[in-house]
């Protein structure tokens, strides 16, 4: 399967596959264990599972952009930070 018709790279395709996998996982999780009731977290807003996924993905994007703009192009550092950020968002937000 070539991705050249959309000028995509494999990392770009992997990112979109990851986002789709997250959405599928959340859907299965909600069907299997209903109860994505809003929680009141440290940001002072009520969030559901989907909200927390969106916040973690958006925050991760900003982490990666800031890292590439300020530090370097090696992306292992921001990956670790983004994973910790995602864990913290799902745990405390």
PDB file of N, CA and C in Angstrom:
ATOM      1  N   UNK A   1       0.835  -1.174   0.000  1.00  0.00           N
ATOM      2  CA  UNK A   1       0.000   0.000   0.000  1.00  0.00           C
ATOM      3  C   UNK A   1       0.881   1.239   0.000  1.00  0.00           C
ATOM      4  N   UNK A   2       0.847   1.975  -1.062  1.00  0.00           N
ATOM      5  CA  UNK A   2       1.643   3.185  -1.134  1.00  0.00           C
ATOM      6  C   UNK A   2       0.875   4.388  -0.615  1.00  0.00           C
ATOM      7  N   UNK A   3       1.592   5.251   0.055  1.00  0.00           N
ATOM      8  CA  UNK A   3       0.975   6.456   0.590  1.00  0.00           C
ATOM      9  C   UNK A   3       1.373   7.695  -0.194  1.00  0.00           C
ATOM     10  N   UNK A   4       2.060   7.526  -1.310  1.00  0.00           N
ATOM     11  CA  UNK A   4       2.568   8.673  -2.047  1.00  0.00           C
ATOM     12  C   UNK A   4       1.469   9.504  -2.689  1.00  0.00           C
ATOM     13  N   UNK A   5       0.293   8.928  -2.924  1.00  0.00           N
ATOM     14  CA  UNK A   5      -0.785   9.684  -3.559  1.00  0.00           C
ATOM     15  C   UNK A   5      -1.296  10.803  -2.664  1.00  0.00           C
ATOM     16  N   UNK A   6      -1.042  10.740  -1.359  1.00  0.00           N
ATOM     17  CA  UNK A   6      -1.455  11.806  -0.446  1.00  0.00           C
ATOM     18  C   UNK A   6      -0.252  12.536   0.131  1.00  0.00           C
ATOM     19  N   UNK A   7       0.921  12.203  -0.317  1.00  0.00           N
ATOM     20  CA  UNK A   7       2.165  12.797   0.185  1.00  0.00           C
ATOM     21  C   UNK A   7       2.309  12.574   1.691  1.00  0.00           C
ATOM     22  N   UNK A   8       1.860  11.423   2.178  1.00  0.00           N
ATOM     23  CA  UNK A   8       1.981  11.069   3.584  1.00  0.00           C
ATOM     24  C   UNK A   8       3.292  10.332   3.810  1.00  0.00           C
ATOM     25  N   UNK A   9       3.740  10.406   5.021  1.00  0.00           N
ATOM     26  CA  UNK A   9       4.873   9.593   5.439  1.00  0.00           C
ATOM     27  C   UNK A   9       4.335   8.491   6.347  1.00  0.00           C
ATOM     28  N   UNK A  10       5.154   7.500   6.600  1.00  0.00           N
ATOM     29  CA  UNK A  10       4.716   6.418   7.482  1.00  0.00           C
ATOM     30  C   UNK A  10       4.442   6.905   8.903  1.00  0.00           C
ATOM     31  N   UNK A  11       5.252   7.828   9.456  1.00  0.00           N
ATOM     32  CA  UNK A  11       4.899   8.331  10.793  1.00  0.00           C
ATOM     33  C   UNK A  11       3.551   9.058  10.823  1.00  0.00           C
ATOM     34  N   UNK A  12       3.222   9.777   9.757  1.00  0.00           N
ATOM     35  CA  UNK A  12       1.927  10.449   9.703  1.00  0.00           C
ATOM     36  C   UNK A  12       0.799   9.430   9.678  1.00  0.00           C
ATOM     37  N   UNK A  13       0.947   8.415   8.865  1.00  0.00           N
ATOM     38  CA  UNK A  13      -0.069   7.364   8.801  1.00  0.00           C
ATOM     39  C   UNK A  13      -0.180   6.643  10.144  1.00  0.00           C
ATOM     40  N   UNK A  14       0.951   6.388  10.796  1.00  0.00           N
ATOM     41  CA  UNK A  14       0.934   5.716  12.100  1.00  0.00           C
ATOM     42  C   UNK A  14       0.203   6.567  13.136  1.00  0.00           C
ATOM     43  N   UNK A  15       0.379   7.881  13.074  1.00  0.00           N
ATOM     44  CA  UNK A  15      -0.325   8.769  13.995  1.00  0.00           C
ATOM     45  C   UNK A  15      -1.838   8.657  13.815  1.00  0.00           C
ATOM     46  N   UNK A  16      -2.308   8.677  12.575  1.00  0.00           N
ATOM     47  CA  UNK A  16      -3.742   8.591  12.345  1.00  0.00           C
ATOM     48  C   UNK A  16      -4.292   7.212  12.691  1.00  0.00           C
ATOM     49  N   UNK A  17      -3.501   6.174  12.498  1.00  0.00           N
ATOM     50  CA  UNK A  17      -3.914   4.838  12.924  1.00  0.00           C
ATOM     51  C   UNK A  17      -4.011   4.806  14.449  1.00  0.00           C
ATOM     52  N   UNK A  18      -3.074   5.462  15.130  1.00  0.00           N
ATOM     53  CA  UNK A  18      -3.105   5.527  16.589  1.00  0.00           C
ATOM     54  C   UNK A  18      -4.359   6.244  17.082  1.00  0.00           C
ATOM     55  N   UNK A  19      -4.696   7.377  16.474  1.00  0.00           N
ATOM     56  CA  UNK A  19      -5.894   8.121  16.875  1.00  0.00           C
ATOM     57  C   UNK A  19      -7.142   7.274  16.638  1.00  0.00           C
ATOM     58  N   UNK A  20      -7.205   6.601  15.492  1.00  0.00           N
ATOM     59  CA  UNK A  20      -8.351   5.732  15.211  1.00  0.00           C
ATOM     60  C   UNK A  20      -8.421   4.595  16.228  1.00  0.00           C
ATOM     61  N   UNK A  21      -7.276   4.021  16.584  1.00  0.00           N
ATOM     62  CA  UNK A  21      -7.252   2.947  17.586  1.00  0.00           C
ATOM     63  C   UNK A  21      -7.723   3.461  18.947  1.00  0.00           C
ATOM     64  N   UNK A  22      -7.352   4.690  19.299  1.00  0.00           N
ATOM     65  CA  UNK A  22      -7.826   5.278  20.558  1.00  0.00           C
ATOM     66  C   UNK A  22      -9.336   5.426  20.553  1.00  0.00           C
ATOM     67  N   UNK A  23      -9.886   5.906  19.447  1.00  0.00           N
ATOM     68  CA  UNK A  23     -11.339   6.077  19.363  1.00  0.00           C
ATOM     69  C   UNK A  23     -12.069   4.740  19.417  1.00  0.00           C
ATOM     70  N   UNK A  24     -11.533   3.735  18.744  1.00  0.00           N
ATOM     71  CA  UNK A  24     -12.138   2.402  18.781  1.00  0.00           C
ATOM     72  C   UNK A  24     -12.058   1.829  20.194  1.00  0.00           C
ATOM     73  N   UNK A  25     -10.900   2.018  20.839  1.00  0.00           N
ATOM     74  CA  UNK A  25     -10.732   1.523  22.205  1.00  0.00           C
ATOM     75  C   UNK A  25     -11.723   2.187  23.157  1.00  0.00           C
ATOM     76  N   UNK A  26     -11.887   3.507  23.035  1.00  0.00           N
ATOM     77  CA  UNK A  26     -12.847   4.196  23.894  1.00  0.00           C
ATOM     78  C   UNK A  26     -14.268   3.728  23.633  1.00  0.00           C
ATOM     79  N   UNK A  27     -14.600   3.460  22.379  1.00  0.00           N
ATOM     80  CA  UNK A  27     -15.936   2.980  22.054  1.00  0.00           C
ATOM     81  C   UNK A  27     -16.189   1.613  22.675  1.00  0.00           C
ATOM     82  N   UNK A  28     -15.236   0.703  22.522  1.00  0.00           N
ATOM     83  CA  UNK A  28     -15.370  -0.641  23.104  1.00  0.00           C
ATOM     84  C   UNK A  28     -15.422  -0.548  24.620  1.00  0.00           C
ATOM     85  N   UNK A  29     -14.592   0.297  25.205  1.00  0.00           N
ATOM     86  CA  UNK A  29     -14.564   0.486  26.652  1.00  0.00           C
ATOM     87  C   UNK A  29     -15.926   0.972  27.154  1.00  0.00           C
ATOM     88  N   UNK A  30     -16.517   1.935  26.450  1.00  0.00           N
ATOM     89  CA  UNK A  30     -17.813   2.470  26.859  1.00  0.00           C
ATOM     90  C   UNK A  30     -18.916   1.429  26.701  1.00  0.00           C
ATOM     91  N   UNK A  31     -18.849   0.620  25.645  1.00  0.00           N
ATOM     92  CA  UNK A  31     -19.853  -0.423  25.459  1.00  0.00           C
ATOM     93  C   UNK A  31     -19.725  -1.524  26.503  1.00  0.00           C
ATOM     94  N   UNK A  32     -18.483  -1.844  26.865  1.00  0.00           N
ATOM     95  CA  UNK A  32     -18.241  -2.921  27.822  1.00  0.00           C
ATOM     96  C   UNK A  32     -18.474  -2.451  29.261  1.00  0.00           C
ATOM     97  N   UNK A  33     -18.025  -1.263  29.583  1.00  0.00           N
ATOM     98  CA  UNK A  33     -18.151  -0.724  30.936  1.00  0.00           C
ATOM     99  C   UNK A  33     -18.759   0.676  30.829  1.00  0.00           C
ATOM    100  N   UNK A  34     -20.080   0.744  30.733  1.00  0.00           N
ATOM    101  CA  UNK A  34     -20.693   2.079  30.667  1.00  0.00           C
ATOM    102  C   UNK A  34     -20.420   2.844  31.957  1.00  0.00           C
ATOM    103  N   UNK A  35     -20.366   4.111  31.842  1.00  0.00           N
ATOM    104  CA  UNK A  35     -20.111   4.904  33.044  1.00  0.00           C
ATOM    105  C   UNK A  35     -19.104   5.983  32.809  1.00  0.00           C
ATOM    106  N   UNK A  36     -19.045   6.499  31.630  1.00  0.00           N
ATOM    107  CA  UNK A  36     -18.154   7.603  31.363  1.00  0.00           C
ATOM    108  C   UNK A  36     -18.728   8.900  31.882  1.00  0.00           C
ATOM    109  N   UNK A  37     -19.301   8.828  33.100  1.00  0.00           N
ATOM    110  CA  UNK A  37     -19.890  10.018  33.696  1.00  0.00           C
ATOM    111  C   UNK A  37     -18.818  11.087  33.886  1.00  0.00           C
ATOM    112  N   UNK A  38     -19.198  12.341  33.769  1.00  0.00           N
ATOM    113  CA  UNK A  38     -18.217  13.419  33.950  1.00  0.00           C
ATOM    114  C   UNK A  38     -17.591  13.391  35.342  1.00  0.00           C
ATOM    115  N   UNK A  39     -16.298  13.682  35.368  1.00  0.00           N
ATOM    116  CA  UNK A  39     -15.557  13.820  36.629  1.00  0.00           C
ATOM    117  C   UNK A  39     -15.092  15.254  36.755  1.00  0.00           C
ATOM    118  N   UNK A  40     -15.055  15.748  37.963  1.00  0.00           N
ATOM    119  CA  UNK A  40     -14.568  17.098  38.230  1.00  0.00           C
ATOM    120  C   UNK A  40     -13.108  16.978  38.630  1.00  0.00           C
ATOM    121  N   UNK A  41     -12.223  17.479  37.779  1.00  0.00           N
ATOM    122  CA  UNK A  41     -10.803  17.299  38.016  1.00  0.00           C
ATOM    123  C   UNK A  41     -10.086  18.560  38.445  1.00  0.00           C
ATOM    124  N   UNK A  42      -8.763  18.524  38.341  1.00  0.00           N
ATOM    125  CA  UNK A  42      -7.925  19.623  38.813  1.00  0.00           C
ATOM    126  C   UNK A  42      -8.060  20.879  37.965  1.00  0.00           C
ATOM    127  N   UNK A  43      -8.529  20.766  36.736  1.00  0.00           N
ATOM    128  CA  UNK A  43      -8.729  21.954  35.897  1.00  0.00           C
ATOM    129  C   UNK A  43     -10.014  22.688  36.259  1.00  0.00           C
ATOM    130  N   UNK A  44     -10.831  22.095  37.108  1.00  0.00           N
ATOM    131  CA  UNK A  44     -12.058  22.731  37.531  1.00  0.00           C
ATOM    132  C   UNK A  44     -13.196  22.594  36.534  1.00  0.00           C
ATOM    133  N   UNK A  45     -13.072  21.633  35.620  1.00  0.00           N
ATOM    134  CA  UNK A  45     -14.137  21.392  34.652  1.00  0.00           C
ATOM    135  C   UNK A  45     -14.550  19.931  34.726  1.00  0.00           C
ATOM    136  N   UNK A  46     -15.773  19.668  34.323  1.00  0.00           N
ATOM    137  CA  UNK A  46     -16.244  18.287  34.262  1.00  0.00           C
ATOM    138  C   UNK A  46     -15.814  17.687  32.925  1.00  0.00           C
ATOM    139  N   UNK A  47     -15.163  16.523  32.982  1.00  0.00           N
ATOM    140  CA  UNK A  47     -14.690  15.872  31.758  1.00  0.00           C
ATOM    141  C   UNK A  47     -15.138  14.424  31.715  1.00  0.00           C
ATOM    142  N   UNK A  48     -15.387  13.946  30.505  1.00  0.00           N
ATOM    143  CA  UNK A  48     -15.682  12.530  30.274  1.00  0.00           C
ATOM    144  C   UNK A  48     -14.426  11.873  29.717  1.00  0.00           C
ATOM    145  N   UNK A  49     -14.497  10.581  29.447  1.00  0.00           N
ATOM    146  CA  UNK A  49     -13.341   9.874  28.871  1.00  0.00           C
ATOM    147  C   UNK A  49     -12.912  10.493  27.551  1.00  0.00           C
ATOM    148  N   UNK A  50     -13.885  10.807  26.713  1.00  0.00           N
ATOM    149  CA  UNK A  50     -13.568  11.404  25.414  1.00  0.00           C
ATOM    150  C   UNK A  50     -12.926  12.774  25.548  1.00  0.00           C
ATOM    151  N   UNK A  51     -13.399  13.556  26.514  1.00  0.00           N
ATOM    152  CA  UNK A  51     -12.784  14.866  26.775  1.00  0.00           C
ATOM    153  C   UNK A  51     -11.341  14.706  27.206  1.00  0.00           C
ATOM    154  N   UNK A  52     -11.103  13.741  28.081  1.00  0.00           N
ATOM    155  CA  UNK A  52      -9.733  13.520  28.563  1.00  0.00           C
ATOM    156  C   UNK A  52      -8.826  13.032  27.442  1.00  0.00           C
ATOM    157  N   UNK A  53      -9.360  12.219  26.516  1.00  0.00           N
ATOM    158  CA  UNK A  53      -8.562  11.804  25.356  1.00  0.00           C
ATOM    159  C   UNK A  53      -8.212  13.014  24.509  1.00  0.00           C
ATOM    160  N   UNK A  54      -9.186  13.880  24.242  1.00  0.00           N
ATOM    161  CA  UNK A  54      -8.936  15.069  23.446  1.00  0.00           C
ATOM    162  C   UNK A  54      -7.906  15.977  24.110  1.00  0.00           C
ATOM    163  N   UNK A  55      -8.037  16.200  25.420  1.00  0.00           N
ATOM    164  CA  UNK A  55      -7.088  17.047  26.143  1.00  0.00           C
ATOM    165  C   UNK A  55      -5.687  16.449  26.087  1.00  0.00           C
ATOM    166  N   UNK A  56      -5.584  15.127  26.254  1.00  0.00           N
ATOM    167  CA  UNK A  56      -4.256  14.506  26.229  1.00  0.00           C
ATOM    168  C   UNK A  56      -3.632  14.556  24.831  1.00  0.00           C
ATOM    169  N   UNK A  57      -4.432  14.353  23.770  1.00  0.00           N
ATOM    170  CA  UNK A  57      -3.887  14.431  22.416  1.00  0.00           C
ATOM    171  C   UNK A  57      -3.492  15.860  22.060  1.00  0.00           C
ATOM    172  N   UNK A  58      -4.307  16.823  22.429  1.00  0.00           N
ATOM    173  CA  UNK A  58      -3.990  18.217  22.142  1.00  0.00           C
ATOM    174  C   UNK A  58      -2.748  18.657  22.908  1.00  0.00           C
ATOM    175  N   UNK A  59      -2.692  18.300  24.170  1.00  0.00           N
ATOM    176  CA  UNK A  59      -1.501  18.632  24.964  1.00  0.00           C
ATOM    177  C   UNK A  59      -0.252  17.968  24.425  1.00  0.00           C
ATOM    178  N   UNK A  60      -0.378  16.723  23.972  1.00  0.00           N
ATOM    179  CA  UNK A  60       0.773  16.026  23.389  1.00  0.00           C
ATOM    180  C   UNK A  60       1.260  16.715  22.125  1.00  0.00           C
ATOM    181  N   UNK A  61       0.329  17.201  21.318  1.00  0.00           N
ATOM    182  CA  UNK A  61       0.724  17.928  20.108  1.00  0.00           C
ATOM    183  C   UNK A  61       1.532  19.167  20.474  1.00  0.00           C
ATOM    184  N   UNK A  62       1.088  19.910  21.492  1.00  0.00           N
ATOM    185  CA  UNK A  62       1.826  21.094  21.918  1.00  0.00           C
ATOM    186  C   UNK A  62       3.183  20.728  22.512  1.00  0.00           C
ATOM    187  N   UNK A  63       3.255  19.618  23.226  1.00  0.00           N
ATOM    188  CA  UNK A  63       4.537  19.160  23.771  1.00  0.00           C
ATOM    189  C   UNK A  63       5.520  18.879  22.639  1.00  0.00           C
ATOM    190  N   UNK A  64       5.073  18.158  21.620  1.00  0.00           N
ATOM    191  CA  UNK A  64       5.947  17.842  20.492  1.00  0.00           C
ATOM    192  C   UNK A  64       6.357  19.100  19.734  1.00  0.00           C
ATOM    193  N   UNK A  65       5.422  20.009  19.491  1.00  0.00           N
ATOM    194  CA  UNK A  65       5.758  21.241  18.767  1.00  0.00           C
ATOM    195  C   UNK A  65       6.746  22.095  19.545  1.00  0.00           C
ATOM    196  N   UNK A  66       6.530  22.231  20.844  1.00  0.00           N
ATOM    197  CA  UNK A  66       7.454  23.014  21.663  1.00  0.00           C
ATOM    198  C   UNK A  66       8.841  22.379  21.681  1.00  0.00           C
ATOM    199  N   UNK A  67       8.883  21.063  21.778  1.00  0.00           N
ATOM    200  CA  UNK A  67      10.167  20.363  21.797  1.00  0.00           C
ATOM    201  C   UNK A  67      10.923  20.577  20.490  1.00  0.00           C
ATOM    202  N   UNK A  68      10.216  20.415  19.370  1.00  0.00           N
ATOM    203  CA  UNK A  68      10.884  20.588  18.072  1.00  0.00           C
ATOM    204  C   UNK A  68      11.322  22.034  17.855  1.00  0.00           C
ATOM    205  N   UNK A  69      10.565  22.986  18.377  1.00  0.00           N
ATOM    206  CA  UNK A  69      10.927  24.382  18.207  1.00  0.00           C
ATOM    207  C   UNK A  69      12.023  24.859  19.132  1.00  0.00           C
ATOM    208  N   UNK A  70      12.131  24.258  20.309  1.00  0.00           N
ATOM    209  CA  UNK A  70      13.068  24.762  21.305  1.00  0.00           C
ATOM    210  C   UNK A  70      14.269  23.880  21.566  1.00  0.00           C
ATOM    211  N   UNK A  71      14.133  22.574  21.383  1.00  0.00           N
ATOM    212  CA  UNK A  71      15.205  21.676  21.816  1.00  0.00           C
ATOM    213  C   UNK A  71      15.903  21.029  20.629  1.00  0.00           C
ATOM    214  N   UNK A  72      15.267  20.057  20.001  1.00  0.00           N
ATOM    215  CA  UNK A  72      15.896  19.352  18.886  1.00  0.00           C
ATOM    216  C   UNK A  72      14.842  18.540  18.146  1.00  0.00           C
ATOM    217  N   UNK A  73      15.313  17.787  17.159  1.00  0.00           N
ATOM    218  CA  UNK A  73      14.386  16.964  16.400  1.00  0.00           C
ATOM    219  C   UNK A  73      14.328  15.528  16.892  1.00  0.00           C
ATOM    220  N   UNK A  74      15.156  15.158  17.861  1.00  0.00           N
ATOM    221  CA  UNK A  74      15.048  13.823  18.449  1.00  0.00           C
ATOM    222  C   UNK A  74      13.781  13.786  19.284  1.00  0.00           C
ATOM    223  N   UNK A  75      12.893  12.853  18.986  1.00  0.00           N
ATOM    224  CA  UNK A  75      11.552  12.896  19.554  1.00  0.00           C
ATOM    225  C   UNK A  75      11.292  11.893  20.671  1.00  0.00           C
ATOM    226  N   UNK A  76      12.321  11.275  21.213  1.00  0.00           N
ATOM    227  CA  UNK A  76      12.100  10.339  22.316  1.00  0.00           C
ATOM    228  C   UNK A  76      11.751  11.077  23.597  1.00  0.00           C
ATOM    229  N   UNK A  77      12.346  12.245  23.805  1.00  0.00           N
ATOM    230  CA  UNK A  77      12.054  13.049  25.000  1.00  0.00           C
ATOM    231  C   UNK A  77      10.595  13.469  25.076  1.00  0.00           C
ATOM    232  N   UNK A  78      10.086  14.109  24.016  1.00  0.00           N
ATOM    233  CA  UNK A  78       8.680  14.512  24.100  1.00  0.00           C
ATOM    234  C   UNK A  78       7.715  13.337  24.124  1.00  0.00           C
ATOM    235  N   UNK A  79       8.111  12.189  23.554  1.00  0.00           N
ATOM    236  CA  UNK A  79       7.253  11.013  23.636  1.00  0.00           C
ATOM    237  C   UNK A  79       7.075  10.593  25.087  1.00  0.00           C
ATOM    238  N   UNK A  80       8.175  10.572  25.838  1.00  0.00           N
ATOM    239  CA  UNK A  80       8.083  10.215  27.258  1.00  0.00           C
ATOM    240  C   UNK A  80       7.241  11.232  28.025  1.00  0.00           C
ATOM    241  N   UNK A  81       7.453  12.512  27.742  1.00  0.00           N
ATOM    242  CA  UNK A  81       6.681  13.560  28.410  1.00  0.00           C
ATOM    243  C   UNK A  81       5.204  13.440  28.050  1.00  0.00           C
ATOM    244  N   UNK A  82       4.903  13.178  26.779  1.00  0.00           N
ATOM    245  CA  UNK A  82       3.507  13.060  26.331  1.00  0.00           C
ATOM    246  C   UNK A  82       2.825  11.846  26.959  1.00  0.00           C
ATOM    247  N   UNK A  83       3.537  10.747  27.126  1.00  0.00           N
ATOM    248  CA  UNK A  83       2.959   9.573  27.777  1.00  0.00           C
ATOM    249  C   UNK A  83       2.633   9.865  29.236  1.00  0.00           C
ATOM    250  N   UNK A  84       3.542  10.559  29.923  1.00  0.00           N
ATOM    251  CA  UNK A  84       3.284  10.948  31.314  1.00  0.00           C
ATOM    252  C   UNK A  84       2.102  11.921  31.359  1.00  0.00           C
ATOM    253  N   UNK A  85       2.066  12.888  30.433  1.00  0.00           N
ATOM    254  CA  UNK A  85       0.962  13.841  30.354  1.00  0.00           C
ATOM    255  C   UNK A  85      -0.369  13.103  30.165  1.00  0.00           C
ATOM    256  N   UNK A  86      -0.410  12.152  29.240  1.00  0.00           N
ATOM    257  CA  UNK A  86      -1.636  11.392  28.999  1.00  0.00           C
ATOM    258  C   UNK A  86      -2.085  10.633  30.233  1.00  0.00           C
ATOM    259  N   UNK A  87      -1.139  10.007  30.926  1.00  0.00           N
ATOM    260  CA  UNK A  87      -1.472   9.291  32.154  1.00  0.00           C
ATOM    261  C   UNK A  87      -2.051  10.245  33.193  1.00  0.00           C
ATOM    262  N   UNK A  88      -1.407  11.399  33.369  1.00  0.00           N
ATOM    263  CA  UNK A  88      -1.865  12.364  34.360  1.00  0.00           C
ATOM    264  C   UNK A  88      -3.255  12.916  34.004  1.00  0.00           C
ATOM    265  N   UNK A  89      -3.490  13.158  32.721  1.00  0.00           N
ATOM    266  CA  UNK A  89      -4.794  13.672  32.312  1.00  0.00           C
ATOM    267  C   UNK A  89      -5.885  12.643  32.627  1.00  0.00           C
ATOM    268  N   UNK A  90      -5.640  11.382  32.278  1.00  0.00           N
ATOM    269  CA  UNK A  90      -6.675  10.378  32.521  1.00  0.00           C
ATOM    270  C   UNK A  90      -6.833  10.074  34.008  1.00  0.00           C
ATOM    271  N   UNK A  91      -5.808  10.315  34.781  1.00  0.00           N
ATOM    272  CA  UNK A  91      -5.880  10.025  36.219  1.00  0.00           C
ATOM    273  C   UNK A  91      -6.492  11.174  37.019  1.00  0.00           C
ATOM    274  N   UNK A  92      -6.109  12.411  36.707  1.00  0.00           N
ATOM    275  CA  UNK A  92      -6.455  13.532  37.585  1.00  0.00           C
ATOM    276  C   UNK A  92      -7.373  14.596  36.978  1.00  0.00           C
ATOM    277  N   UNK A  93      -7.617  14.557  35.680  1.00  0.00           N
ATOM    278  CA  UNK A  93      -8.436  15.620  35.085  1.00  0.00           C
ATOM    279  C   UNK A  93      -9.882  15.204  35.047  1.00  0.00           C
TER     280      UNK A  93
END
